[in-house]
Amino acid sequence: MMKLTASQIQRLSEKILAQWKSQNLITLKVEEKQVLQAMKDAINKELQAEVDLEKEVHGLMDQMEQQGQEFQRGKMFQLLKTKLAKEKKVIL
């Protein structure tokens, strides 16, 4: 997972919004700071969904190990994460 700081998320949101505005892809009907806050909230929500997904994957792998199944954790992690992300419609 890519970890972003609050300031990185702020800059990312500002850059995206500036690009949308420069290409006339968006017309603001509320203050820009409200739009930026909504964008930051959406990014944080997606990042948290990925963190939650990773916790679930680790839990599944722990269960598999307790059942005596042998596998390579690195390969299995990526496989399970991709599969669960698709099922839960989490954007990676």
N, C-alpha and C. Protein backbone atom coordinates (compact mmCIF):
# COMPACT_ATOMS: atom_id res chain seq x y z
N MET A 1 0.83 -1.18 0.00
CA MET A 1 0.00 0.00 0.00
C MET A 1 0.87 1.24 0.00
N MET A 2 0.44 2.19 -0.71
CA MET A 2 1.15 3.46 -0.77
C MET A 2 0.62 4.37 0.32
N LYS A 3 1.48 4.74 1.26
CA LYS A 3 1.05 5.60 2.34
C LYS A 3 1.29 7.05 1.95
N LEU A 4 0.27 7.86 2.14
CA LEU A 4 0.37 9.28 1.82
C LEU A 4 0.14 10.09 3.09
N THR A 5 0.90 11.15 3.24
CA THR A 5 0.70 12.04 4.38
C THR A 5 -0.46 12.98 4.05
N ALA A 6 -0.93 13.67 5.09
CA ALA A 6 -2.02 14.63 4.89
C ALA A 6 -1.61 15.72 3.91
N SER A 7 -0.36 16.17 3.99
CA SER A 7 0.08 17.23 3.08
C SER A 7 0.19 16.71 1.64
N GLN A 8 0.59 15.46 1.47
CA GLN A 8 0.64 14.88 0.13
C GLN A 8 -0.76 14.76 -0.47
N ILE A 9 -1.71 14.35 0.35
CA ILE A 9 -3.10 14.24 -0.12
C ILE A 9 -3.63 15.63 -0.47
N GLN A 10 -3.28 16.62 0.34
CA GLN A 10 -3.68 18.01 0.06
C GLN A 10 -3.14 18.45 -1.29
N ARG A 11 -1.83 18.26 -1.51
CA ARG A 11 -1.20 18.69 -2.77
C ARG A 11 -1.78 17.92 -3.96
N LEU A 12 -2.01 16.63 -3.79
CA LEU A 12 -2.59 15.82 -4.86
C LEU A 12 -3.97 16.35 -5.23
N SER A 13 -4.78 16.61 -4.24
CA SER A 13 -6.13 17.14 -4.48
C SER A 13 -6.08 18.48 -5.19
N GLU A 14 -5.18 19.34 -4.73
CA GLU A 14 -5.04 20.67 -5.35
C GLU A 14 -4.60 20.56 -6.81
N LYS A 15 -3.66 19.67 -7.08
CA LYS A 15 -3.16 19.51 -8.45
C LYS A 15 -4.26 18.95 -9.37
N ILE A 16 -5.00 17.97 -8.87
CA ILE A 16 -6.08 17.39 -9.67
C ILE A 16 -7.13 18.46 -9.98
N LEU A 17 -7.53 19.19 -8.95
CA LEU A 17 -8.55 20.22 -9.14
C LEU A 17 -8.05 21.31 -10.10
N ALA A 18 -6.81 21.72 -9.95
CA ALA A 18 -6.25 22.74 -10.86
C ALA A 18 -6.25 22.23 -12.30
N GLN A 19 -5.91 20.97 -12.49
CA GLN A 19 -5.90 20.39 -13.84
C GLN A 19 -7.32 20.34 -14.42
N TRP A 20 -8.27 19.92 -13.61
CA TRP A 20 -9.66 19.88 -14.07
C TRP A 20 -10.14 21.27 -14.46
N LYS A 21 -9.81 22.25 -13.64
CA LYS A 21 -10.23 23.62 -13.92
C LYS A 21 -9.56 24.16 -15.18
N SER A 22 -8.27 23.88 -15.35
CA SER A 22 -7.55 24.40 -16.52
C SER A 22 -8.06 23.79 -17.82
N GLN A 23 -8.61 22.58 -17.74
CA GLN A 23 -9.14 21.92 -18.92
C GLN A 23 -10.66 22.09 -19.04
N ASN A 24 -11.21 22.95 -18.19
CA ASN A 24 -12.65 23.20 -18.16
C ASN A 24 -13.47 21.91 -18.02
N LEU A 25 -12.97 21.01 -17.19
CA LEU A 25 -13.69 19.75 -16.95
C LEU A 25 -14.64 19.86 -15.76
N ILE A 26 -14.53 20.95 -15.03
CA ILE A 26 -15.35 21.10 -13.83
C ILE A 26 -15.77 22.56 -13.68
N THR A 27 -16.98 22.75 -13.22
CA THR A 27 -17.48 24.08 -12.88
C THR A 27 -17.93 23.99 -11.42
N LEU A 28 -17.32 24.81 -10.59
CA LEU A 28 -17.62 24.75 -9.16
C LEU A 28 -18.91 25.48 -8.83
N LYS A 29 -19.75 24.81 -8.06
CA LYS A 29 -21.00 25.42 -7.60
C LYS A 29 -20.93 25.71 -6.11
N VAL A 30 -19.83 25.30 -5.49
CA VAL A 30 -19.56 25.57 -4.08
C VAL A 30 -18.14 26.11 -4.00
N GLU A 31 -17.75 26.52 -2.81
CA GLU A 31 -16.40 27.06 -2.64
C GLU A 31 -15.35 25.99 -2.92
N GLU A 32 -14.22 26.43 -3.42
CA GLU A 32 -13.14 25.51 -3.78
C GLU A 32 -12.68 24.68 -2.58
N LYS A 33 -12.66 25.29 -1.40
CA LYS A 33 -12.20 24.55 -0.23
C LYS A 33 -13.15 23.39 0.10
N GLN A 34 -14.43 23.53 -0.20
CA GLN A 34 -15.37 22.43 0.02
C GLN A 34 -15.08 21.28 -0.95
N VAL A 35 -14.78 21.64 -2.18
CA VAL A 35 -14.46 20.62 -3.18
C VAL A 35 -13.17 19.90 -2.80
N LEU A 36 -12.17 20.66 -2.37
CA LEU A 36 -10.90 20.06 -1.95
C LEU A 36 -11.11 19.12 -0.77
N GLN A 37 -11.94 19.53 0.18
CA GLN A 37 -12.20 18.67 1.34
C GLN A 37 -12.88 17.37 0.91
N ALA A 38 -13.83 17.47 0.00
CA ALA A 38 -14.52 16.27 -0.50
C ALA A 38 -13.53 15.35 -1.22
N MET A 39 -12.61 15.94 -1.97
CA MET A 39 -11.61 15.15 -2.67
C MET A 39 -10.69 14.45 -1.67
N LYS A 40 -10.24 15.18 -0.65
CA LYS A 40 -9.37 14.59 0.38
C LYS A 40 -10.09 13.47 1.12
N ASP A 41 -11.36 13.70 1.43
CA ASP A 41 -12.15 12.67 2.12
C ASP A 41 -12.26 11.40 1.27
N ALA A 42 -12.48 11.58 -0.03
CA ALA A 42 -12.60 10.43 -0.93
C ALA A 42 -11.28 9.66 -1.02
N ILE A 43 -10.17 10.38 -1.11
CA ILE A 43 -8.86 9.72 -1.18
C ILE A 43 -8.59 8.97 0.11
N ASN A 44 -8.86 9.60 1.25
CA ASN A 44 -8.64 8.94 2.54
C ASN A 44 -9.52 7.71 2.69
N LYS A 45 -10.74 7.79 2.21
CA LYS A 45 -11.66 6.65 2.29
C LYS A 45 -11.11 5.47 1.48
N GLU A 46 -10.60 5.73 0.30
CA GLU A 46 -10.03 4.67 -0.54
C GLU A 46 -8.77 4.08 0.08
N LEU A 47 -7.94 4.93 0.64
CA LEU A 47 -6.72 4.44 1.30
C LEU A 47 -7.08 3.57 2.50
N GLN A 48 -8.08 3.98 3.26
CA GLN A 48 -8.51 3.18 4.42
C GLN A 48 -9.10 1.85 3.97
N ALA A 49 -9.82 1.86 2.86
CA ALA A 49 -10.38 0.60 2.33
C ALA A 49 -9.26 -0.36 1.99
N GLU A 50 -8.15 0.15 1.47
CA GLU A 50 -7.02 -0.73 1.14
C GLU A 50 -6.37 -1.27 2.42
N VAL A 51 -6.25 -0.44 3.44
CA VAL A 51 -5.69 -0.89 4.72
C VAL A 51 -6.57 -2.00 5.30
N ASP A 52 -7.87 -1.79 5.28
CA ASP A 52 -8.81 -2.80 5.79
C ASP A 52 -8.71 -4.10 4.99
N LEU A 53 -8.56 -3.98 3.69
CA LEU A 53 -8.42 -5.14 2.82
C LEU A 53 -7.16 -5.92 3.17
N GLU A 54 -6.06 -5.21 3.39
CA GLU A 54 -4.81 -5.87 3.74
C GLU A 54 -4.91 -6.61 5.07
N LYS A 55 -5.60 -6.01 6.03
CA LYS A 55 -5.82 -6.69 7.32
C LYS A 55 -6.61 -7.98 7.12
N GLU A 56 -7.62 -7.92 6.27
CA GLU A 56 -8.42 -9.11 5.99
C GLU A 56 -7.58 -10.20 5.33
N VAL A 57 -6.72 -9.80 4.40
CA VAL A 57 -5.85 -10.76 3.71
C VAL A 57 -4.91 -11.43 4.70
N HIS A 58 -4.32 -10.63 5.59
CA HIS A 58 -3.42 -11.21 6.60
C HIS A 58 -4.18 -12.20 7.49
N GLY A 59 -5.41 -11.85 7.85
CA GLY A 59 -6.23 -12.76 8.65
C GLY A 59 -6.51 -14.06 7.93
N LEU A 60 -6.83 -13.97 6.64
CA LEU A 60 -7.07 -15.18 5.84
C LEU A 60 -5.83 -16.06 5.76
N MET A 61 -4.68 -15.43 5.58
CA MET A 61 -3.44 -16.20 5.50
C MET A 61 -3.12 -16.84 6.83
N ASP A 62 -3.38 -16.15 7.93
CA ASP A 62 -3.16 -16.74 9.25
C ASP A 62 -4.05 -17.97 9.45
N GLN A 63 -5.31 -17.87 9.00
CA GLN A 63 -6.23 -19.01 9.09
C GLN A 63 -5.72 -20.18 8.26
N MET A 64 -5.23 -19.89 7.08
CA MET A 64 -4.73 -20.94 6.20
C MET A 64 -3.52 -21.63 6.84
N GLU A 65 -2.65 -20.87 7.47
CA GLU A 65 -1.48 -21.45 8.13
C GLU A 65 -1.90 -22.32 9.30
N GLN A 66 -2.91 -21.87 10.06
CA GLN A 66 -3.40 -22.65 11.20
C GLN A 66 -4.00 -23.98 10.75
N GLN A 67 -4.53 -23.99 9.53
CA GLN A 67 -5.11 -25.21 8.98
C GLN A 67 -4.04 -26.12 8.38
N GLY A 68 -2.80 -25.69 8.47
CA GLY A 68 -1.71 -26.51 7.99
C GLY A 68 -1.39 -26.36 6.51
N GLN A 69 -1.99 -25.41 5.86
CA GLN A 69 -1.72 -25.20 4.44
C GLN A 69 -0.36 -24.51 4.29
N GLU A 70 0.40 -24.97 3.31
CA GLU A 70 1.70 -24.37 3.05
C GLU A 70 1.62 -23.51 1.80
N PHE A 71 2.23 -22.33 1.88
CA PHE A 71 2.24 -21.40 0.75
C PHE A 71 3.30 -20.35 1.01
N GLN A 72 3.64 -19.64 -0.04
CA GLN A 72 4.57 -18.52 0.09
C GLN A 72 3.76 -17.27 0.41
N ARG A 73 4.03 -16.68 1.57
CA ARG A 73 3.21 -15.55 2.03
C ARG A 73 3.18 -14.40 1.03
N GLY A 74 4.32 -14.06 0.45
CA GLY A 74 4.36 -12.93 -0.48
C GLY A 74 3.48 -13.13 -1.69
N LYS A 75 3.59 -14.30 -2.29
CA LYS A 75 2.78 -14.59 -3.48
C LYS A 75 1.30 -14.71 -3.12
N MET A 76 1.02 -15.38 -2.01
CA MET A 76 -0.37 -15.57 -1.60
C MET A 76 -1.01 -14.23 -1.21
N PHE A 77 -0.23 -13.37 -0.55
CA PHE A 77 -0.76 -12.06 -0.16
C PHE A 77 -1.26 -11.31 -1.39
N GLN A 78 -0.40 -11.23 -2.40
CA GLN A 78 -0.77 -10.47 -3.60
C GLN A 78 -1.97 -11.10 -4.31
N LEU A 79 -1.98 -12.43 -4.37
CA LEU A 79 -3.08 -13.13 -5.03
C LEU A 79 -4.40 -12.88 -4.31
N LEU A 80 -4.39 -13.05 -2.98
CA LEU A 80 -5.62 -12.83 -2.21
C LEU A 80 -6.06 -11.37 -2.23
N LYS A 81 -5.09 -10.46 -2.14
CA LYS A 81 -5.43 -9.04 -2.14
C LYS A 81 -6.09 -8.64 -3.45
N THR A 82 -5.54 -9.10 -4.56
CA THR A 82 -6.11 -8.78 -5.87
C THR A 82 -7.51 -9.36 -5.99
N LYS A 83 -7.68 -10.61 -5.55
CA LYS A 83 -8.99 -11.26 -5.65
C LYS A 83 -10.03 -10.55 -4.78
N LEU A 84 -9.68 -10.27 -3.54
CA LEU A 84 -10.62 -9.59 -2.64
C LEU A 84 -10.93 -8.17 -3.11
N ALA A 85 -9.92 -7.49 -3.64
CA ALA A 85 -10.14 -6.13 -4.12
C ALA A 85 -11.16 -6.15 -5.26
N LYS A 86 -11.03 -7.12 -6.12
CA LYS A 86 -11.98 -7.23 -7.24
C LYS A 86 -13.39 -7.53 -6.72
N GLU A 87 -13.49 -8.46 -5.77
CA GLU A 87 -14.79 -8.82 -5.22
C GLU A 87 -15.45 -7.65 -4.47
N LYS A 88 -14.63 -6.91 -3.73
CA LYS A 88 -15.15 -5.81 -2.91
C LYS A 88 -15.13 -4.47 -3.62
N LYS A 89 -14.64 -4.49 -4.86
CA LYS A 89 -14.58 -3.29 -5.69
C LYS A 89 -13.75 -2.18 -5.02
N VAL A 90 -12.58 -2.61 -4.53
CA VAL A 90 -11.62 -1.66 -3.95
C VAL A 90 -10.61 -1.34 -5.04
N ILE A 91 -10.35 -0.08 -5.21
CA ILE A 91 -9.38 0.35 -6.22
C ILE A 91 -7.99 0.30 -5.62
N LEU A 92 -7.11 -0.43 -6.25
CA LEU A 92 -5.73 -0.53 -5.74
C LEU A 92 -4.83 0.42 -6.49
